[in-house]
């Protein structure tokens, strides 16, 4: 059976932490920023972990686990 290929966009978008969880950056921070409050933009700046409901799909795109 051939090797599984990693999804090209997923490997640029997500990072795997040392404990095996998947890290992502927040959305709504690319354009139309003048109408958004400064505090809202500040909260969107950081990264967060992928929700457990979506982690199975992301792990499949990254070829992590069985």
C-alpha atoms as a PDB file:
ATOM      1  CA  UNK A   1       0.000   0.000   0.000  1.00  0.00           C
ATOM      2  CA  UNK A   2       1.463   3.458  -0.883  1.00  0.00           C
ATOM      3  CA  UNK A   3       2.251   6.152   1.648  1.00  0.00           C
ATOM      4  CA  UNK A   4      -0.496   8.580   2.657  1.00  0.00           C
ATOM      5  CA  UNK A   5       0.037  12.137   1.445  1.00  0.00           C
ATOM      6  CA  UNK A   6      -0.379  15.069   3.804  1.00  0.00           C
ATOM      7  CA  UNK A   7      -2.897  17.710   2.757  1.00  0.00           C
ATOM      8  CA  UNK A   8      -0.831  20.669   1.470  1.00  0.00           C
ATOM      9  CA  UNK A   9      -2.971  23.453   2.941  1.00  0.00           C
ATOM     10  CA  UNK A  10      -3.330  21.672   6.285  1.00  0.00           C
ATOM     11  CA  UNK A  11       0.416  21.361   6.825  1.00  0.00           C
ATOM     12  CA  UNK A  12       0.768  25.137   6.308  1.00  0.00           C
ATOM     13  CA  UNK A  13      -2.231  25.980   8.527  1.00  0.00           C
ATOM     14  CA  UNK A  14      -1.932  23.698  11.567  1.00  0.00           C
ATOM     15  CA  UNK A  15       0.955  22.903  13.915  1.00  0.00           C
ATOM     16  CA  UNK A  16       1.177  19.920  16.242  1.00  0.00           C
ATOM     17  CA  UNK A  17       2.154  20.606  19.856  1.00  0.00           C
ATOM     18  CA  UNK A  18       4.503  18.451  21.889  1.00  0.00           C
ATOM     19  CA  UNK A  19       1.590  16.710  23.592  1.00  0.00           C
ATOM     20  CA  UNK A  20      -0.002  15.847  20.239  1.00  0.00           C
ATOM     21  CA  UNK A  21      -2.734  18.478  20.191  1.00  0.00           C
ATOM     22  CA  UNK A  22      -3.268  20.587  17.070  1.00  0.00           C
ATOM     23  CA  UNK A  23      -2.786  24.362  17.182  1.00  0.00           C
ATOM     24  CA  UNK A  24      -4.545  26.806  14.847  1.00  0.00           C
ATOM     25  CA  UNK A  25      -4.767  30.539  14.329  1.00  0.00           C
ATOM     26  CA  UNK A  26      -8.025  32.448  14.642  1.00  0.00           C
ATOM     27  CA  UNK A  27     -10.141  33.593  11.697  1.00  0.00           C
ATOM     28  CA  UNK A  28     -11.512  37.058  10.778  1.00  0.00           C
ATOM     29  CA  UNK A  29      -8.141  38.825  10.956  1.00  0.00           C
ATOM     30  CA  UNK A  30      -7.256  39.207   7.266  1.00  0.00           C
ATOM     31  CA  UNK A  31      -9.240  42.195   5.917  1.00  0.00           C
ATOM     32  CA  UNK A  32     -11.964  44.755   6.761  1.00  0.00           C
ATOM     33  CA  UNK A  33     -10.135  45.539   9.997  1.00  0.00           C
ATOM     34  CA  UNK A  34     -11.135  49.204  10.322  1.00  0.00           C
ATOM     35  CA  UNK A  35     -14.642  48.422  11.525  1.00  0.00           C
ATOM     36  CA  UNK A  36     -13.468  45.878  14.111  1.00  0.00           C
ATOM     37  CA  UNK A  37     -12.678  47.019  17.627  1.00  0.00           C
ATOM     38  CA  UNK A  38      -9.074  47.061  18.812  1.00  0.00           C
ATOM     39  CA  UNK A  39      -9.842  44.660  21.636  1.00  0.00           C
ATOM     40  CA  UNK A  40     -11.468  42.242  19.185  1.00  0.00           C
ATOM     41  CA  UNK A  41      -8.415  42.332  16.903  1.00  0.00           C
ATOM     42  CA  UNK A  42      -6.150  41.811  19.897  1.00  0.00           C
ATOM     43  CA  UNK A  43      -8.047  38.674  20.938  1.00  0.00           C
ATOM     44  CA  UNK A  44      -7.891  37.343  17.377  1.00  0.00           C
ATOM     45  CA  UNK A  45      -4.110  37.734  17.327  1.00  0.00           C
ATOM     46  CA  UNK A  46      -3.232  34.641  19.349  1.00  0.00           C
ATOM     47  CA  UNK A  47      -3.455  30.979  18.552  1.00  0.00           C
ATOM     48  CA  UNK A  48      -5.748  28.364  20.037  1.00  0.00           C
ATOM     49  CA  UNK A  49      -6.237  24.615  19.949  1.00  0.00           C
ATOM     50  CA  UNK A  50      -8.480  22.849  17.457  1.00  0.00           C
ATOM     51  CA  UNK A  51     -11.795  21.793  18.995  1.00  0.00           C
ATOM     52  CA  UNK A  52     -12.146  18.067  19.690  1.00  0.00           C
ATOM     53  CA  UNK A  53     -15.117  17.840  17.293  1.00  0.00           C
ATOM     54  CA  UNK A  54     -12.832  18.916  14.416  1.00  0.00           C
ATOM     55  CA  UNK A  55      -9.591  17.339  15.597  1.00  0.00           C
ATOM     56  CA  UNK A  56     -10.353  13.971  14.003  1.00  0.00           C
ATOM     57  CA  UNK A  57     -10.749  15.577  10.571  1.00  0.00           C
ATOM     58  CA  UNK A  58      -7.594  17.692  10.982  1.00  0.00           C
ATOM     59  CA  UNK A  59      -5.588  14.659  12.129  1.00  0.00           C
ATOM     60  CA  UNK A  60      -6.746  12.829   9.024  1.00  0.00           C
ATOM     61  CA  UNK A  61      -5.596  15.710   6.793  1.00  0.00           C
ATOM     62  CA  UNK A  62      -2.217  15.748   8.555  1.00  0.00           C
ATOM     63  CA  UNK A  63      -1.935  11.920   8.491  1.00  0.00           C
ATOM     64  CA  UNK A  64      -1.607  11.740  12.283  1.00  0.00           C
ATOM     65  CA  UNK A  65      -2.623   8.576  14.080  1.00  0.00           C
ATOM     66  CA  UNK A  66      -4.258   5.468  12.704  1.00  0.00           C
END
